[in-house]
Amino acid sequence: MKKILILTALTAIAAASSMQPAYAQSSVTHTALVEHRDLDLHTEAGARTLKLRVWRAVVDVCGTTSEFDIAGKNDIRQCRRDTLATASAQADLAIAGVSRDQPVRVASIRD
């Protein structure tokens, strides 16, 4: 009888430790730094190159999914939209000369 109680208690502890409340879902932050010191941001080619680097970083931090995972594809698209909006604003500041010495930080939070 004692073994059954111990086994039941261990099973309950294991089950409780594996469950997470909805508000405590883990999210992973993916981050990339886009350097642009090597670019002449006063030129159209330099600005275009920076924006291309930012886009590549956005694709990298948001990841990919299977062609058959519709919900996952939608999550990736939303991640890319949100992340690109934030990163593009930083890139525009760099192009304007406001934050020339700082790399563009591309970060997304995904579940």
Protein backbone atom coordinates (compact mmCIF):
# COMPACT_ATOMS: atom_id res chain seq x y z
CA MET A 1 0.00 0.00 0.00
CA LYS A 2 2.87 2.33 0.86
CA LYS A 3 4.45 1.76 -2.58
CA ILE A 4 1.17 2.66 -4.31
CA LEU A 5 0.91 5.93 -2.36
CA ILE A 6 4.50 6.86 -3.18
CA LEU A 7 4.00 5.99 -6.84
CA THR A 8 0.78 8.00 -6.96
CA ALA A 9 2.47 11.00 -5.33
CA LEU A 10 5.40 10.84 -7.77
CA THR A 11 3.03 10.60 -10.71
CA ALA A 12 1.07 13.64 -9.48
CA ILE A 13 4.25 15.66 -9.02
CA ALA A 14 5.49 14.74 -12.49
CA ALA A 15 2.16 15.67 -14.05
CA ALA A 16 1.99 18.99 -12.21
CA SER A 17 5.53 19.96 -13.14
CA SER A 18 4.90 19.33 -16.84
CA MET A 19 1.81 21.56 -16.97
CA GLN A 20 2.18 25.30 -17.47
CA PRO A 21 -0.50 27.92 -17.00
CA ALA A 22 -1.55 29.75 -20.15
CA TYR A 23 0.09 33.00 -19.06
CA ALA A 24 3.45 31.29 -18.52
CA GLN A 25 3.94 29.97 -22.01
CA SER A 26 7.55 30.12 -22.96
CA SER A 27 8.50 32.38 -25.79
CA VAL A 28 11.84 32.44 -27.49
CA THR A 29 13.51 35.62 -28.59
CA HIS A 30 15.46 35.33 -31.80
CA THR A 31 17.88 38.17 -32.45
CA ALA A 32 20.28 39.18 -35.20
CA LEU A 33 22.48 42.25 -35.52
CA VAL A 34 22.80 43.82 -38.96
CA GLU A 35 26.06 45.70 -39.35
CA HIS A 36 26.21 48.58 -41.82
CA ARG A 37 29.49 50.37 -41.11
CA ASP A 38 30.85 49.08 -44.39
CA LEU A 39 28.02 50.73 -46.35
CA ASP A 40 27.79 54.28 -47.63
CA LEU A 41 24.24 55.00 -46.52
CA HIS A 42 24.27 58.35 -48.35
CA THR A 43 23.89 56.45 -51.60
CA GLU A 44 20.83 54.64 -52.89
CA ALA A 45 22.86 51.44 -53.33
CA GLY A 46 24.03 51.53 -49.71
CA ALA A 47 20.52 52.08 -48.38
CA ARG A 48 19.16 49.30 -50.59
CA THR A 49 21.90 46.93 -49.38
CA LEU A 50 21.05 47.70 -45.76
CA LYS A 51 17.37 47.01 -46.35
CA LEU A 52 18.24 43.72 -48.05
CA ARG A 53 20.41 42.72 -45.07
CA VAL A 54 17.56 43.61 -42.72
CA TRP A 55 15.13 41.47 -44.75
CA ARG A 56 17.51 38.51 -44.66
CA ALA A 57 17.85 38.89 -40.89
CA VAL A 58 14.05 39.04 -40.53
CA VAL A 59 13.70 35.79 -42.48
CA ASP A 60 16.41 34.24 -40.31
CA VAL A 61 14.94 35.23 -36.93
CA CYS A 62 11.36 34.33 -37.87
CA GLY A 63 12.34 30.96 -39.29
CA THR A 64 10.51 28.75 -41.73
CA THR A 65 7.96 25.98 -41.62
CA SER A 66 6.61 23.21 -43.80
CA GLU A 67 4.55 24.11 -46.85
CA PHE A 68 1.79 21.93 -45.41
CA ASP A 69 1.60 23.75 -42.04
CA ILE A 70 -0.93 26.50 -42.81
CA ALA A 71 -1.12 27.84 -39.25
CA GLY A 72 2.67 27.85 -39.02
CA LYS A 73 2.96 29.68 -42.35
CA ASN A 74 0.54 32.33 -41.09
CA ASP A 75 2.55 32.71 -37.87
CA ILE A 76 5.76 33.14 -39.89
CA ARG A 77 4.13 35.76 -42.13
CA GLN A 78 2.90 37.72 -39.10
CA CYS A 79 6.31 37.45 -37.45
CA ARG A 80 7.97 38.78 -40.60
CA ARG A 81 5.53 41.69 -40.90
CA ASP A 82 5.96 42.75 -37.27
CA THR A 83 9.70 42.23 -37.17
CA LEU A 84 10.28 43.99 -40.49
CA ALA A 85 8.29 47.03 -39.36
CA THR A 86 10.43 47.47 -36.26
CA ALA A 87 13.73 46.72 -37.99
CA SER A 88 12.92 48.98 -40.95
CA ALA A 89 12.36 51.89 -38.59
CA GLN A 90 15.83 51.30 -37.13
CA ALA A 91 17.32 51.03 -40.62
CA ASP A 92 15.66 54.31 -41.61
CA LEU A 93 17.28 55.98 -38.58
CA ALA A 94 20.66 54.61 -39.64
CA ILE A 95 20.14 55.87 -43.20
CA ALA A 96 19.16 59.28 -41.86
CA GLY A 97 22.39 59.36 -39.88
CA VAL A 98 20.79 59.33 -36.44
CA SER A 99 22.18 55.96 -35.36
CA ARG A 100 25.02 55.42 -37.79
CA ASP A 101 27.37 53.75 -35.28
CA GLN A 102 24.82 51.22 -34.01
CA PRO A 103 23.91 48.04 -35.83
CA VAL A 104 20.26 47.40 -36.62
CA ARG A 105 18.87 44.95 -34.08
CA VAL A 106 16.38 42.54 -35.61
CA ALA A 107 14.45 40.67 -32.91
CA SER A 108 11.30 38.62 -32.90
CA ILE A 109 9.45 36.85 -30.14
CA ARG A 110 7.85 33.58 -31.16
CA ASP A 111 6.15 30.89 -29.18
